[in-house]
Amino acid sequence: MRPYALLALAIVSEVTGTTALKLSDGFSELFPSLVVVVGYVSSFYLLGLVLEELPIGPVYATWAALGIVATALIGVVLFDDPLDVVGVVGMTLIVAGVVLLTVVSDTYSPAH
């Protein structure tokens, strides 16, 4: 369970850093800029720890996919970013791809 908890923290750190990147106004705002650096450094550190125990393919796919979806949804809620049906379908396909890779595929699925 430990690597999955670390992966979740890595995703939260990356999403926090990316959200702060928007708030940093091109790195002209000090506090959000510091959050960007801490968020990304923390995320990559935690991702490195996860990769000591789990294979890179599904780990990176999960990290990237959940980061994309979470960041897009934060953009909609906090920054009034547009999101249409095609965007929702695209994000659904991203998540479906990760599920196929990590759950269904014989390559990485723990069930196979």
PDB file of N, CA and C in Angstrom:
ATOM      1  N   MET A   1       0.825  -1.211   0.000  1.00  0.00           N
ATOM      2  CA  MET A   1       0.000   0.000   0.000  1.00  0.00           C
ATOM      3  C   MET A   1       0.863   1.267   0.000  1.00  0.00           C
ATOM      4  N   ARG A   2       2.053   1.200   0.547  1.00  0.00           N
ATOM      5  CA  ARG A   2       2.909   2.367   0.655  1.00  0.00           C
ATOM      6  C   ARG A   2       3.185   3.049  -0.682  1.00  0.00           C
ATOM      7  N   PRO A   3       3.558   2.316  -1.742  1.00  0.00           N
ATOM      8  CA  PRO A   3       3.843   3.033  -2.991  1.00  0.00           C
ATOM      9  C   PRO A   3       2.610   3.728  -3.567  1.00  0.00           C
ATOM     10  N   TYR A   4       1.433   3.179  -3.328  1.00  0.00           N
ATOM     11  CA  TYR A   4       0.224   3.808  -3.859  1.00  0.00           C
ATOM     12  C   TYR A   4      -0.117   5.083  -3.092  1.00  0.00           C
ATOM     13  N   ALA A   5       0.129   5.087  -1.799  1.00  0.00           N
ATOM     14  CA  ALA A   5      -0.063   6.312  -1.016  1.00  0.00           C
ATOM     15  C   ALA A   5       0.932   7.382  -1.461  1.00  0.00           C
ATOM     16  N   LEU A   6       2.174   6.975  -1.707  1.00  0.00           N
ATOM     17  CA  LEU A   6       3.176   7.928  -2.190  1.00  0.00           C
ATOM     18  C   LEU A   6       2.820   8.450  -3.582  1.00  0.00           C
ATOM     19  N   LEU A   7       2.276   7.570  -4.419  1.00  0.00           N
ATOM     20  CA  LEU A   7       1.838   8.010  -5.748  1.00  0.00           C
ATOM     21  C   LEU A   7       0.721   9.040  -5.631  1.00  0.00           C
ATOM     22  N   ALA A   8      -0.220   8.809  -4.733  1.00  0.00           N
ATOM     23  CA  ALA A   8      -1.297   9.783  -4.518  1.00  0.00           C
ATOM     24  C   ALA A   8      -0.729  11.125  -4.063  1.00  0.00           C
ATOM     25  N   LEU A   9       0.234  11.092  -3.151  1.00  0.00           N
ATOM     26  CA  LEU A   9       0.866  12.335  -2.700  1.00  0.00           C
ATOM     27  C   LEU A   9       1.637  13.013  -3.824  1.00  0.00           C
ATOM     28  N   ALA A  10       2.279  12.219  -4.679  1.00  0.00           N
ATOM     29  CA  ALA A  10       2.997  12.784  -5.825  1.00  0.00           C
ATOM     30  C   ALA A  10       2.029  13.495  -6.770  1.00  0.00           C
ATOM     31  N   ILE A  11       0.869  12.903  -6.981  1.00  0.00           N
ATOM     32  CA  ILE A  11      -0.142  13.513  -7.854  1.00  0.00           C
ATOM     33  C   ILE A  11      -0.651  14.807  -7.233  1.00  0.00           C
ATOM     34  N   VAL A  12      -0.960  14.784  -5.940  1.00  0.00           N
ATOM     35  CA  VAL A  12      -1.439  15.992  -5.261  1.00  0.00           C
ATOM     36  C   VAL A  12      -0.378  17.086  -5.316  1.00  0.00           C
ATOM     37  N   SER A  13       0.876  16.723  -5.125  1.00  0.00           N
ATOM     38  CA  SER A  13       1.964  17.710  -5.177  1.00  0.00           C
ATOM     39  C   SER A  13       2.089  18.326  -6.566  1.00  0.00           C
ATOM     40  N   GLU A  14       1.988  17.491  -7.590  1.00  0.00           N
ATOM     41  CA  GLU A  14       2.101  17.998  -8.963  1.00  0.00           C
ATOM     42  C   GLU A  14       0.932  18.917  -9.300  1.00  0.00           C
ATOM     43  N   VAL A  15      -0.261  18.528  -8.921  1.00  0.00           N
ATOM     44  CA  VAL A  15      -1.447  19.352  -9.195  1.00  0.00           C
ATOM     45  C   VAL A  15      -1.364  20.664  -8.421  1.00  0.00           C
ATOM     46  N   THR A  16      -0.885  20.609  -7.195  1.00  0.00           N
ATOM     47  CA  THR A  16      -0.705  21.831  -6.405  1.00  0.00           C
ATOM     48  C   THR A  16       0.313  22.754  -7.074  1.00  0.00           C
ATOM     49  N   GLY A  17       1.421  22.183  -7.517  1.00  0.00           N
ATOM     50  CA  GLY A  17       2.434  22.983  -8.200  1.00  0.00           C
ATOM     51  C   GLY A  17       1.917  23.605  -9.483  1.00  0.00           C
ATOM     52  N   THR A  18       1.146  22.843 -10.229  1.00  0.00           N
ATOM     53  CA  THR A  18       0.606  23.364 -11.491  1.00  0.00           C
ATOM     54  C   THR A  18      -0.428  24.455 -11.234  1.00  0.00           C
ATOM     55  N   THR A  19      -1.251  24.271 -10.224  1.00  0.00           N
ATOM     56  CA  THR A  19      -2.225  25.310  -9.868  1.00  0.00           C
ATOM     57  C   THR A  19      -1.503  26.586  -9.441  1.00  0.00           C
ATOM     58  N   ALA A  20      -0.459  26.425  -8.647  1.00  0.00           N
ATOM     59  CA  ALA A  20       0.321  27.586  -8.221  1.00  0.00           C
ATOM     60  C   ALA A  20       1.018  28.258  -9.400  1.00  0.00           C
ATOM     61  N   LEU A  21       1.370  27.461 -10.416  1.00  0.00           N
ATOM     62  CA  LEU A  21       1.992  28.026 -11.609  1.00  0.00           C
ATOM     63  C   LEU A  21       1.058  29.047 -12.266  1.00  0.00           C
ATOM     64  N   LYS A  22      -0.208  28.728 -12.308  1.00  0.00           N
ATOM     65  CA  LYS A  22      -1.199  29.668 -12.849  1.00  0.00           C
ATOM     66  C   LYS A  22      -1.256  30.924 -11.978  1.00  0.00           C
ATOM     67  N   LEU A  23      -1.210  30.726 -10.663  1.00  0.00           N
ATOM     68  CA  LEU A  23      -1.316  31.847  -9.730  1.00  0.00           C
ATOM     69  C   LEU A  23      -0.035  32.671  -9.634  1.00  0.00           C
ATOM     70  N   SER A  24       1.082  32.127 -10.101  1.00  0.00           N
ATOM     71  CA  SER A  24       2.367  32.824  -9.965  1.00  0.00           C
ATOM     72  C   SER A  24       2.505  34.013 -10.906  1.00  0.00           C
ATOM     73  N   ASP A  25       1.625  34.100 -11.882  1.00  0.00           N
ATOM     74  CA  ASP A  25       1.639  35.202 -12.839  1.00  0.00           C
ATOM     75  C   ASP A  25       3.026  35.349 -13.472  1.00  0.00           C
ATOM     76  N   GLY A  26       3.458  34.243 -14.102  1.00  0.00           N
ATOM     77  CA  GLY A  26       4.762  34.257 -14.765  1.00  0.00           C
ATOM     78  C   GLY A  26       5.912  34.361 -13.785  1.00  0.00           C
ATOM     79  N   PHE A  27       5.758  33.777 -12.614  1.00  0.00           N
ATOM     80  CA  PHE A  27       6.746  33.801 -11.543  1.00  0.00           C
ATOM     81  C   PHE A  27       6.987  35.207 -10.993  1.00  0.00           C
ATOM     82  N   SER A  28       6.011  36.083 -11.151  1.00  0.00           N
ATOM     83  CA  SER A  28       6.157  37.429 -10.591  1.00  0.00           C
ATOM     84  C   SER A  28       5.581  37.533  -9.180  1.00  0.00           C
ATOM     85  N   GLU A  29       4.838  36.518  -8.744  1.00  0.00           N
ATOM     86  CA  GLU A  29       4.294  36.477  -7.389  1.00  0.00           C
ATOM     87  C   GLU A  29       5.115  35.482  -6.572  1.00  0.00           C
ATOM     88  N   LEU A  30       5.700  35.940  -5.468  1.00  0.00           N
ATOM     89  CA  LEU A  30       6.659  35.133  -4.717  1.00  0.00           C
ATOM     90  C   LEU A  30       6.053  33.859  -4.128  1.00  0.00           C
ATOM     91  N   PHE A  31       4.987  33.972  -3.347  1.00  0.00           N
ATOM     92  CA  PHE A  31       4.463  32.788  -2.663  1.00  0.00           C
ATOM     93  C   PHE A  31       4.011  31.709  -3.632  1.00  0.00           C
ATOM     94  N   PRO A  32       3.186  32.038  -4.642  1.00  0.00           N
ATOM     95  CA  PRO A  32       2.823  30.976  -5.586  1.00  0.00           C
ATOM     96  C   PRO A  32       4.037  30.390  -6.309  1.00  0.00           C
ATOM     97  N   SER A  33       5.047  31.202  -6.580  1.00  0.00           N
ATOM     98  CA  SER A  33       6.260  30.704  -7.235  1.00  0.00           C
ATOM     99  C   SER A  33       6.987  29.697  -6.349  1.00  0.00           C
ATOM    100  N   LEU A  34       7.034  29.963  -5.062  1.00  0.00           N
ATOM    101  CA  LEU A  34       7.639  29.019  -4.127  1.00  0.00           C
ATOM    102  C   LEU A  34       6.837  27.718  -4.061  1.00  0.00           C
ATOM    103  N   VAL A  35       5.516  27.833  -4.112  1.00  0.00           N
ATOM    104  CA  VAL A  35       4.660  26.645  -4.099  1.00  0.00           C
ATOM    105  C   VAL A  35       4.896  25.807  -5.358  1.00  0.00           C
ATOM    106  N   VAL A  36       5.118  26.461  -6.492  1.00  0.00           N
ATOM    107  CA  VAL A  36       5.433  25.741  -7.735  1.00  0.00           C
ATOM    108  C   VAL A  36       6.673  24.882  -7.529  1.00  0.00           C
ATOM    109  N   VAL A  37       7.730  25.486  -7.033  1.00  0.00           N
ATOM    110  CA  VAL A  37       8.994  24.773  -6.859  1.00  0.00           C
ATOM    111  C   VAL A  37       8.835  23.627  -5.856  1.00  0.00           C
ATOM    112  N   VAL A  38       8.240  23.906  -4.715  1.00  0.00           N
ATOM    113  CA  VAL A  38       8.057  22.869  -3.694  1.00  0.00           C
ATOM    114  C   VAL A  38       7.143  21.760  -4.219  1.00  0.00           C
ATOM    115  N   GLY A  39       6.088  22.133  -4.923  1.00  0.00           N
ATOM    116  CA  GLY A  39       5.164  21.138  -5.465  1.00  0.00           C
ATOM    117  C   GLY A  39       5.820  20.211  -6.467  1.00  0.00           C
ATOM    118  N   TYR A  40       6.568  20.777  -7.403  1.00  0.00           N
ATOM    119  CA  TYR A  40       7.206  19.944  -8.422  1.00  0.00           C
ATOM    120  C   TYR A  40       8.350  19.111  -7.852  1.00  0.00           C
ATOM    121  N   VAL A  41       9.171  19.709  -6.999  1.00  0.00           N
ATOM    122  CA  VAL A  41      10.266  18.948  -6.398  1.00  0.00           C
ATOM    123  C   VAL A  41       9.707  17.800  -5.557  1.00  0.00           C
ATOM    124  N   SER A  42       8.686  18.090  -4.761  1.00  0.00           N
ATOM    125  CA  SER A  42       8.056  17.045  -3.943  1.00  0.00           C
ATOM    126  C   SER A  42       7.466  15.950  -4.817  1.00  0.00           C
ATOM    127  N   SER A  43       6.803  16.348  -5.871  1.00  0.00           N
ATOM    128  CA  SER A  43       6.172  15.379  -6.746  1.00  0.00           C
ATOM    129  C   SER A  43       7.190  14.437  -7.370  1.00  0.00           C
ATOM    130  N   PHE A  44       8.262  14.989  -7.894  1.00  0.00           N
ATOM    131  CA  PHE A  44       9.273  14.143  -8.532  1.00  0.00           C
ATOM    132  C   PHE A  44      10.030  13.289  -7.510  1.00  0.00           C
ATOM    133  N   TYR A  45      10.254  13.822  -6.327  1.00  0.00           N
ATOM    134  CA  TYR A  45      10.888  13.021  -5.277  1.00  0.00           C
ATOM    135  C   TYR A  45      10.008  11.822  -4.925  1.00  0.00           C
ATOM    136  N   LEU A  46       8.721  12.083  -4.677  1.00  0.00           N
ATOM    137  CA  LEU A  46       7.795  11.006  -4.334  1.00  0.00           C
ATOM    138  C   LEU A  46       7.652  10.013  -5.482  1.00  0.00           C
ATOM    139  N   LEU A  47       7.601  10.523  -6.697  1.00  0.00           N
ATOM    140  CA  LEU A  47       7.522   9.646  -7.865  1.00  0.00           C
ATOM    141  C   LEU A  47       8.752   8.739  -7.930  1.00  0.00           C
ATOM    142  N   GLY A  48       9.900   9.276  -7.617  1.00  0.00           N
ATOM    143  CA  GLY A  48      11.122   8.477  -7.583  1.00  0.00           C
ATOM    144  C   GLY A  48      11.044   7.362  -6.552  1.00  0.00           C
ATOM    145  N   LEU A  49      10.472   7.651  -5.398  1.00  0.00           N
ATOM    146  CA  LEU A  49      10.303   6.618  -4.371  1.00  0.00           C
ATOM    147  C   LEU A  49       9.351   5.520  -4.848  1.00  0.00           C
ATOM    148  N   VAL A  50       8.280   5.926  -5.498  1.00  0.00           N
ATOM    149  CA  VAL A  50       7.312   4.952  -6.015  1.00  0.00           C
ATOM    150  C   VAL A  50       7.981   4.034  -7.032  1.00  0.00           C
ATOM    151  N   LEU A  51       8.819   4.615  -7.881  1.00  0.00           N
ATOM    152  CA  LEU A  51       9.461   3.833  -8.938  1.00  0.00           C
ATOM    153  C   LEU A  51      10.488   2.834  -8.407  1.00  0.00           C
ATOM    154  N   GLU A  52      10.850   2.940  -7.141  1.00  0.00           N
ATOM    155  CA  GLU A  52      11.702   1.920  -6.530  1.00  0.00           C
ATOM    156  C   GLU A  52      10.955   0.597  -6.375  1.00  0.00           C
ATOM    157  N   GLU A  53       9.612   0.672  -6.320  1.00  0.00           N
ATOM    158  CA  GLU A  53       8.810  -0.519  -6.041  1.00  0.00           C
ATOM    159  C   GLU A  53       7.871  -0.927  -7.174  1.00  0.00           C
ATOM    160  N   LEU A  54       7.517   0.004  -8.032  1.00  0.00           N
ATOM    161  CA  LEU A  54       6.540  -0.284  -9.082  1.00  0.00           C
ATOM    162  C   LEU A  54       7.126   0.041 -10.454  1.00  0.00           C
ATOM    163  N   PRO A  55       6.619  -0.593 -11.517  1.00  0.00           N
ATOM    164  CA  PRO A  55       7.134  -0.343 -12.872  1.00  0.00           C
ATOM    165  C   PRO A  55       6.771   1.050 -13.387  1.00  0.00           C
ATOM    166  N   ILE A  56       7.663   1.590 -14.194  1.00  0.00           N
ATOM    167  CA  ILE A  56       7.526   2.979 -14.656  1.00  0.00           C
ATOM    168  C   ILE A  56       6.293   3.213 -15.538  1.00  0.00           C
ATOM    169  N   GLY A  57       5.947   2.267 -16.392  1.00  0.00           N
ATOM    170  CA  GLY A  57       4.834   2.481 -17.318  1.00  0.00           C
ATOM    171  C   GLY A  57       3.526   2.837 -16.643  1.00  0.00           C
ATOM    172  N   PRO A  58       3.005   1.969 -15.799  1.00  0.00           N
ATOM    173  CA  PRO A  58       1.729   2.284 -15.165  1.00  0.00           C
ATOM    174  C   PRO A  58       1.827   3.411 -14.138  1.00  0.00           C
ATOM    175  N   VAL A  59       2.975   3.543 -13.496  1.00  0.00           N
ATOM    176  CA  VAL A  59       3.129   4.626 -12.516  1.00  0.00           C
ATOM    177  C   VAL A  59       3.052   5.976 -13.219  1.00  0.00           C
ATOM    178  N   TYR A  60       3.836   6.134 -14.273  1.00  0.00           N
ATOM    179  CA  TYR A  60       3.840   7.421 -14.975  1.00  0.00           C
ATOM    180  C   TYR A  60       2.491   7.687 -15.640  1.00  0.00           C
ATOM    181  N   ALA A  61       1.891   6.651 -16.198  1.00  0.00           N
ATOM    182  CA  ALA A  61       0.572   6.823 -16.830  1.00  0.00           C
ATOM    183  C   ALA A  61      -0.459   7.289 -15.811  1.00  0.00           C
ATOM    184  N   THR A  62      -0.446   6.684 -14.643  1.00  0.00           N
ATOM    185  CA  THR A  62      -1.402   7.069 -13.593  1.00  0.00           C
ATOM    186  C   THR A  62      -1.135   8.482 -13.110  1.00  0.00           C
ATOM    187  N   TRP A  63       0.135   8.791 -12.846  1.00  0.00           N
ATOM    188  CA  TRP A  63       0.517  10.123 -12.369  1.00  0.00           C
ATOM    189  C   TRP A  63       0.095  11.200 -13.376  1.00  0.00           C
ATOM    190  N   ALA A  64       0.420  10.962 -14.630  1.00  0.00           N
ATOM    191  CA  ALA A  64       0.112  11.955 -15.668  1.00  0.00           C
ATOM    192  C   ALA A  64      -1.390  12.086 -15.892  1.00  0.00           C
ATOM    193  N   ALA A  65      -2.082  10.965 -16.002  1.00  0.00           N
ATOM    194  CA  ALA A  65      -3.517  11.004 -16.306  1.00  0.00           C
ATOM    195  C   ALA A  65      -4.307  11.668 -15.195  1.00  0.00           C
ATOM    196  N   LEU A  66      -4.071  11.266 -13.971  1.00  0.00           N
ATOM    197  CA  LEU A  66      -4.825  11.865 -12.868  1.00  0.00           C
ATOM    198  C   LEU A  66      -4.445  13.320 -12.673  1.00  0.00           C
ATOM    199  N   GLY A  67      -3.178  13.643 -12.941  1.00  0.00           N
ATOM    200  CA  GLY A  67      -2.767  15.043 -12.883  1.00  0.00           C
ATOM    201  C   GLY A  67      -3.455  15.887 -13.938  1.00  0.00           C
ATOM    202  N   ILE A  68      -3.577  15.344 -15.146  1.00  0.00           N
ATOM    203  CA  ILE A  68      -4.260  16.063 -16.225  1.00  0.00           C
ATOM    204  C   ILE A  68      -5.718  16.321 -15.869  1.00  0.00           C
ATOM    205  N   VAL A  69      -6.399  15.277 -15.438  1.00  0.00           N
ATOM    206  CA  VAL A  69      -7.829  15.402 -15.135  1.00  0.00           C
ATOM    207  C   VAL A  69      -8.044  16.352 -13.952  1.00  0.00           C
ATOM    208  N   ALA A  70      -7.282  16.170 -12.883  1.00  0.00           N
ATOM    209  CA  ALA A  70      -7.453  17.029 -11.712  1.00  0.00           C
ATOM    210  C   ALA A  70      -7.151  18.490 -12.042  1.00  0.00           C
ATOM    211  N   THR A  71      -6.079  18.718 -12.793  1.00  0.00           N
ATOM    212  CA  THR A  71      -5.719  20.090 -13.157  1.00  0.00           C
ATOM    213  C   THR A  71      -6.772  20.724 -14.054  1.00  0.00           C
ATOM    214  N   ALA A  72      -7.288  19.964 -14.990  1.00  0.00           N
ATOM    215  CA  ALA A  72      -8.342  20.491 -15.865  1.00  0.00           C
ATOM    216  C   ALA A  72      -9.589  20.853 -15.055  1.00  0.00           C
ATOM    217  N   LEU A  73      -9.954  19.999 -14.119  1.00  0.00           N
ATOM    218  CA  LEU A  73     -11.141  20.280 -13.299  1.00  0.00           C
ATOM    219  C   LEU A  73     -10.919  21.469 -12.371  1.00  0.00           C
ATOM    220  N   ILE A  74      -9.716  21.602 -11.831  1.00  0.00           N
ATOM    221  CA  ILE A  74      -9.395  22.783 -11.027  1.00  0.00           C
ATOM    222  C   ILE A  74      -9.474  24.038 -11.893  1.00  0.00           C
ATOM    223  N   GLY A  75      -8.994  23.940 -13.123  1.00  0.00           N
ATOM    224  CA  GLY A  75      -9.096  25.075 -14.040  1.00  0.00           C
ATOM    225  C   GLY A  75     -10.537  25.497 -14.259  1.00  0.00           C
ATOM    226  N   VAL A  76     -11.419  24.536 -14.397  1.00  0.00           N
ATOM    227  CA  VAL A  76     -12.843  24.838 -14.594  1.00  0.00           C
ATOM    228  C   VAL A  76     -13.421  25.511 -13.356  1.00  0.00           C
ATOM    229  N   VAL A  77     -13.128  24.947 -12.186  1.00  0.00           N
ATOM    230  CA  VAL A  77     -13.734  25.433 -10.942  1.00  0.00           C
ATOM    231  C   VAL A  77     -13.126  26.752 -10.481  1.00  0.00           C
ATOM    232  N   LEU A  78     -11.797  26.852 -10.480  1.00  0.00           N
ATOM    233  CA  LEU A  78     -11.150  28.041  -9.915  1.00  0.00           C
ATOM    234  C   LEU A  78     -10.897  29.164 -10.916  1.00  0.00           C
ATOM    235  N   PHE A  79     -10.677  28.809 -12.174  1.00  0.00           N
ATOM    236  CA  PHE A  79     -10.261  29.815 -13.147  1.00  0.00           C
ATOM    237  C   PHE A  79     -11.238  29.999 -14.298  1.00  0.00           C
ATOM    238  N   ASP A  80     -12.403  29.380 -14.177  1.00  0.00           N
ATOM    239  CA  ASP A  80     -13.437  29.471 -15.216  1.00  0.00           C
ATOM    240  C   ASP A  80     -12.925  29.043 -16.587  1.00  0.00           C
ATOM    241  N   ASP A  81     -12.025  28.076 -16.626  1.00  0.00           N
ATOM    242  CA  ASP A  81     -11.570  27.524 -17.898  1.00  0.00           C
ATOM    243  C   ASP A  81     -12.727  26.794 -18.571  1.00  0.00           C
ATOM    244  N   PRO A  82     -12.827  26.885 -19.873  1.00  0.00           N
ATOM    245  CA  PRO A  82     -13.919  26.196 -20.564  1.00  0.00           C
ATOM    246  C   PRO A  82     -13.667  24.683 -20.612  1.00  0.00           C
ATOM    247  N   LEU A  83     -14.741  23.929 -20.586  1.00  0.00           N
ATOM    248  CA  LEU A  83     -14.663  22.480 -20.751  1.00  0.00           C
ATOM    249  C   LEU A  83     -15.932  22.047 -21.460  1.00  0.00           C
ATOM    250  N   ASP A  84     -15.757  21.504 -22.660  1.00  0.00           N
ATOM    251  CA  ASP A  84     -16.921  21.056 -23.418  1.00  0.00           C
ATOM    252  C   ASP A  84     -16.992  19.533 -23.414  1.00  0.00           C
ATOM    253  N   VAL A  85     -17.988  19.016 -24.122  1.00  0.00           N
ATOM    254  CA  VAL A  85     -18.211  17.577 -24.166  1.00  0.00           C
ATOM    255  C   VAL A  85     -16.995  16.850 -24.735  1.00  0.00           C
ATOM    256  N   VAL A  86     -16.377  17.420 -25.750  1.00  0.00           N
ATOM    257  CA  VAL A  86     -15.199  16.784 -26.342  1.00  0.00           C
ATOM    258  C   VAL A  86     -14.073  16.695 -25.319  1.00  0.00           C
ATOM    259  N   GLY A  87     -13.900  17.717 -24.517  1.00  0.00           N
ATOM    260  CA  GLY A  87     -12.883  17.694 -23.467  1.00  0.00           C
ATOM    261  C   GLY A  87     -13.172  16.618 -22.431  1.00  0.00           C
ATOM    262  N   VAL A  88     -14.433  16.490 -22.055  1.00  0.00           N
ATOM    263  CA  VAL A  88     -14.815  15.452 -21.093  1.00  0.00           C
ATOM    264  C   VAL A  88     -14.565  14.067 -21.681  1.00  0.00           C
ATOM    265  N   VAL A  89     -14.912  13.885 -22.948  1.00  0.00           N
ATOM    266  CA  VAL A  89     -14.652  12.604 -23.604  1.00  0.00           C
ATOM    267  C   VAL A  89     -13.150  12.331 -23.650  1.00  0.00           C
ATOM    268  N   GLY A  90     -12.363  13.335 -23.973  1.00  0.00           N
ATOM    269  CA  GLY A  90     -10.918  13.171 -24.024  1.00  0.00           C
ATOM    270  C   GLY A  90     -10.348  12.759 -22.676  1.00  0.00           C
ATOM    271  N   MET A  91     -10.774  13.420 -21.613  1.00  0.00           N
ATOM    272  CA  MET A  91     -10.289  13.055 -20.281  1.00  0.00           C
ATOM    273  C   MET A  91     -10.756  11.657 -19.889  1.00  0.00           C
ATOM    274  N   THR A  92     -11.961  11.300 -20.282  1.00  0.00           N
ATOM    275  CA  THR A  92     -12.465   9.951 -20.015  1.00  0.00           C
ATOM    276  C   THR A  92     -11.617   8.913 -20.732  1.00  0.00           C
ATOM    277  N   LEU A  93     -11.227   9.210 -21.963  1.00  0.00           N
ATOM    278  CA  LEU A  93     -10.372   8.284 -22.709  1.00  0.00           C
ATOM    279  C   LEU A  93      -8.987   8.157 -22.072  1.00  0.00           C
ATOM    280  N   ILE A  94      -8.478   9.248 -21.546  1.00  0.00           N
ATOM    281  CA  ILE A  94      -7.181   9.198 -20.855  1.00  0.00           C
ATOM    282  C   ILE A  94      -7.269   8.263 -19.655  1.00  0.00           C
ATOM    283  N   VAL A  95      -8.288   8.444 -18.842  1.00  0.00           N
ATOM    284  CA  VAL A  95      -8.459   7.588 -17.665  1.00  0.00           C
ATOM    285  C   VAL A  95      -8.719   6.142 -18.085  1.00  0.00           C
ATOM    286  N   ALA A  96      -9.523   5.952 -19.117  1.00  0.00           N
ATOM    287  CA  ALA A  96      -9.793   4.592 -19.604  1.00  0.00           C
ATOM    288  C   ALA A  96      -8.504   3.920 -20.075  1.00  0.00           C
ATOM    289  N   GLY A  97      -7.633   4.666 -20.714  1.00  0.00           N
ATOM    290  CA  GLY A  97      -6.354   4.115 -21.148  1.00  0.00           C
ATOM    291  C   GLY A  97      -5.506   3.648 -19.981  1.00  0.00           C
ATOM    292  N   VAL A  98      -5.499   4.417 -18.911  1.00  0.00           N
ATOM    293  CA  VAL A  98      -4.738   4.019 -17.725  1.00  0.00           C
ATOM    294  C   VAL A  98      -5.355   2.776 -17.087  1.00  0.00           C
ATOM    295  N   VAL A  99      -6.676   2.715 -17.040  1.00  0.00           N
ATOM    296  CA  VAL A  99      -7.340   1.527 -16.494  1.00  0.00           C
ATOM    297  C   VAL A  99      -6.998   0.303 -17.342  1.00  0.00           C
ATOM    298  N   LEU A 100      -7.034   0.461 -18.652  1.00  0.00           N
ATOM    299  CA  LEU A 100      -6.667  -0.665 -19.514  1.00  0.00           C
ATOM    300  C   LEU A 100      -5.229  -1.109 -19.265  1.00  0.00           C
ATOM    301  N   LEU A 101      -4.341  -0.145 -19.129  1.00  0.00           N
ATOM    302  CA  LEU A 101      -2.928  -0.459 -18.912  1.00  0.00           C
ATOM    303  C   LEU A 101      -2.686  -1.126 -17.564  1.00  0.00           C
ATOM    304  N   THR A 102      -3.324  -0.622 -16.525  1.00  0.00           N
ATOM    305  CA  THR A 102      -2.999  -1.078 -15.175  1.00  0.00           C
ATOM    306  C   THR A 102      -3.892  -2.197 -14.652  1.00  0.00           C
ATOM    307  N   VAL A 103      -5.069  -2.364 -15.221  1.00  0.00           N
ATOM    308  CA  VAL A 103      -5.996  -3.373 -14.706  1.00  0.00           C
ATOM    309  C   VAL A 103      -6.236  -4.503 -15.703  1.00  0.00           C
ATOM    310  N   VAL A 104      -6.404  -4.176 -16.960  1.00  0.00           N
ATOM    311  CA  VAL A 104      -6.789  -5.166 -17.954  1.00  0.00           C
ATOM    312  C   VAL A 104      -5.589  -5.795 -18.653  1.00  0.00           C
ATOM    313  N   SER A 105      -4.587  -5.009 -18.968  1.00  0.00           N
ATOM    314  CA  SER A 105      -3.427  -5.492 -19.705  1.00  0.00           C
ATOM    315  C   SER A 105      -2.701  -6.609 -18.960  1.00  0.00           C
ATOM    316  N   ASP A 106      -2.293  -7.633 -19.683  1.00  0.00           N
ATOM    317  CA  ASP A 106      -1.505  -8.709 -19.077  1.00  0.00           C
ATOM    318  C   ASP A 106      -0.116  -8.228 -18.657  1.00  0.00           C
ATOM    319  N   THR A 107       0.325  -7.139 -19.228  1.00  0.00           N
ATOM    320  CA  THR A 107       1.673  -6.659 -18.945  1.00  0.00           C
ATOM    321  C   THR A 107       1.821  -6.166 -17.510  1.00  0.00           C
ATOM    322  N   TYR A 108       0.884  -5.367 -17.014  1.00  0.00           N
ATOM    323  CA  TYR A 108       1.043  -4.741 -15.726  1.00  0.00           C
ATOM    324  C   TYR A 108      -0.011  -5.111 -14.692  1.00  0.00           C
ATOM    325  N   SER A 109      -1.098  -5.691 -15.105  1.00  0.00           N
ATOM    326  CA  SER A 109      -2.188  -5.977 -14.178  1.00  0.00           C
ATOM    327  C   SER A 109      -1.760  -6.972 -13.118  1.00  0.00           C
ATOM    328  N   PRO A 110      -1.978  -6.620 -11.849  1.00  0.00           N
ATOM    329  CA  PRO A 110      -1.627  -7.561 -10.786  1.00  0.00           C
ATOM    330  C   PRO A 110      -2.540  -8.794 -10.786  1.00  0.00           C
ATOM    331  N   ALA A 111      -3.683  -8.709 -11.448  1.00  0.00           N
ATOM    332  CA  ALA A 111      -4.633  -9.820 -11.473  1.00  0.00           C
ATOM    333  C   ALA A 111      -4.202 -10.918 -12.450  1.00  0.00           C
ATOM    334  N   HIS A 112      -3.284 -10.595 -13.368  1.00  0.00           N
ATOM    335  CA  HIS A 112      -2.895 -11.570 -14.393  1.00  0.00           C
ATOM    336  C   HIS A 112      -1.581 -12.216 -14.074  1.00  0.00           C
TER     337      HIS A 112
END
